[in-house]
Amino acid sequence: MNEPVAGIALGVVIVGLAVSTFVTRTSFLLAGARLRLGHRVEVALRFAPVCTLAAIIVPDILMHPPAHELDLSLLNPRLLGALASALWLCWSRNIVGCLAFGMAAYLLARVYL
């Protein structure tokens, strides 16, 4: 059932993904001068990168790897690292310090918990 894609099927998948990527990206370049988005849409699109990042990171922080169960306990080192980095960022507004503090908290929690 889960056989790898090989041969011509792999080529079709690669070409199909390349064409779909090309069409979706060039459509904005070609229609960009003629098509104007509404003010509300432009404001909403400003939050798209943050929402995408959250959609990628939050499940990784909250789901425990072996059984893929929701882990909201304070014994979750990823959650502790995320909370520590969020607190640091709210306190100092320093991104580099936020990364360093979050990773240090994650490392300490991983070693000692």
Protein backbone atom coordinates (compact mmCIF):
# COMPACT_ATOMS: atom_id res chain seq x y z
CA MET A 1 0.00 0.00 0.00
CA ASN A 2 2.82 2.42 0.86
CA GLU A 3 5.09 1.60 -2.05
CA PRO A 4 7.55 4.29 -3.15
CA VAL A 5 6.82 6.22 -6.30
CA ALA A 6 9.34 5.34 -9.01
CA GLY A 7 9.90 5.49 -12.74
CA ILE A 8 7.44 7.39 -14.90
CA ALA A 9 5.08 8.04 -11.99
CA LEU A 10 7.88 9.88 -10.16
CA GLY A 11 8.59 11.96 -13.26
CA VAL A 12 4.90 12.85 -13.61
CA VAL A 13 4.75 13.91 -9.95
CA ILE A 14 7.87 16.09 -10.28
CA VAL A 15 6.70 17.74 -13.50
CA GLY A 16 3.20 18.27 -12.09
CA LEU A 17 4.53 19.95 -8.96
CA ALA A 18 6.91 22.10 -11.00
CA VAL A 19 4.10 23.24 -13.32
CA SER A 20 1.72 24.00 -10.46
CA THR A 21 4.43 25.98 -8.64
CA PHE A 22 5.30 27.90 -11.80
CA VAL A 23 1.66 28.73 -12.58
CA THR A 24 0.77 29.89 -9.07
CA ARG A 25 3.87 32.07 -8.70
CA THR A 26 3.83 33.65 -12.14
CA SER A 27 0.11 34.40 -11.96
CA PHE A 28 0.81 37.08 -9.35
CA LEU A 29 3.65 38.54 -11.39
CA LEU A 30 1.59 38.73 -14.59
CA ALA A 31 -1.61 39.99 -13.00
CA GLY A 32 0.08 42.08 -10.31
CA ALA A 33 -0.07 45.39 -12.16
CA ARG A 34 -3.70 44.96 -13.21
CA LEU A 35 -5.10 43.26 -10.14
CA ARG A 36 -5.36 45.18 -6.89
CA LEU A 37 -6.34 43.51 -3.65
CA GLY A 38 -8.68 45.19 -1.22
CA HIS A 39 -7.36 46.95 1.86
CA ARG A 40 -8.70 44.27 4.22
CA VAL A 41 -7.07 41.50 2.18
CA GLU A 42 -3.71 43.30 2.21
CA VAL A 43 -3.94 43.79 5.98
CA ALA A 44 -4.86 40.12 6.47
CA LEU A 45 -1.99 38.96 4.26
CA ARG A 46 0.49 40.73 6.54
CA PHE A 47 -0.23 38.03 9.14
CA ALA A 48 0.22 35.09 6.74
CA PRO A 49 3.91 34.42 7.55
CA VAL A 50 3.25 34.42 11.31
CA CYS A 51 0.26 32.10 10.91
CA THR A 52 2.27 29.74 8.71
CA LEU A 53 5.12 29.64 11.20
CA ALA A 54 2.70 28.98 14.06
CA ALA A 55 0.99 26.20 12.09
CA ILE A 56 4.35 24.49 11.63
CA ILE A 57 5.83 25.01 15.10
CA VAL A 58 2.88 24.58 17.50
CA PRO A 59 2.14 20.92 16.66
CA ASP A 60 5.84 20.11 17.00
CA ILE A 61 5.94 21.71 20.44
CA LEU A 62 2.73 20.20 21.79
CA MET A 63 2.77 16.67 20.32
CA HIS A 64 4.89 14.08 22.12
CA PRO A 65 6.94 12.16 19.49
CA PRO A 66 6.61 8.44 20.32
CA ALA A 67 2.81 8.22 20.56
CA HIS A 68 1.91 11.58 19.00
CA GLU A 69 -0.20 12.55 21.99
CA LEU A 70 -0.95 16.07 23.16
CA ASP A 71 1.53 16.95 25.93
CA LEU A 72 0.65 20.12 27.86
CA SER A 73 2.56 19.18 31.01
CA LEU A 74 5.46 21.15 32.42
CA LEU A 75 7.62 18.08 31.83
CA ASN A 76 7.53 18.77 28.08
CA PRO A 77 10.96 20.30 27.31
CA ARG A 78 9.78 21.80 24.01
CA LEU A 79 6.92 23.56 25.74
CA LEU A 80 9.23 24.88 28.45
CA GLY A 81 11.66 26.19 25.83
CA ALA A 82 8.86 27.89 23.91
CA LEU A 83 7.43 29.47 27.05
CA ALA A 84 10.88 30.65 28.16
CA SER A 85 11.61 32.21 24.77
CA ALA A 86 8.18 33.89 24.70
CA LEU A 87 8.74 35.37 28.14
CA TRP A 88 12.22 36.58 27.14
CA LEU A 89 10.86 38.18 23.97
CA CYS A 90 8.06 39.95 25.87
CA TRP A 91 10.57 41.20 28.42
CA SER A 92 13.45 42.30 26.20
CA ARG A 93 12.27 42.43 22.54
CA ASN A 94 15.62 40.90 21.57
CA ILE A 95 15.30 38.12 18.97
CA VAL A 96 18.83 36.74 19.40
CA GLY A 97 18.41 36.62 23.17
CA CYS A 98 15.01 34.99 22.68
CA LEU A 99 16.56 32.21 20.61
CA ALA A 100 19.45 31.72 23.03
CA PHE A 101 17.24 31.77 26.14
CA GLY A 102 14.68 29.40 24.62
CA MET A 103 17.34 26.94 23.50
CA ALA A 104 19.06 27.09 26.90
CA ALA A 105 15.75 26.41 28.66
CA TYR A 106 15.00 23.56 26.25
CA LEU A 107 18.45 22.05 26.77
CA LEU A 108 18.22 22.27 30.56
CA ALA A 109 14.72 20.80 30.57
CA ARG A 110 15.77 18.00 28.26
CA VAL A 111 18.80 17.12 30.38
CA TYR A 112 17.23 17.41 33.83
CA LEU A 113 13.59 16.36 33.29
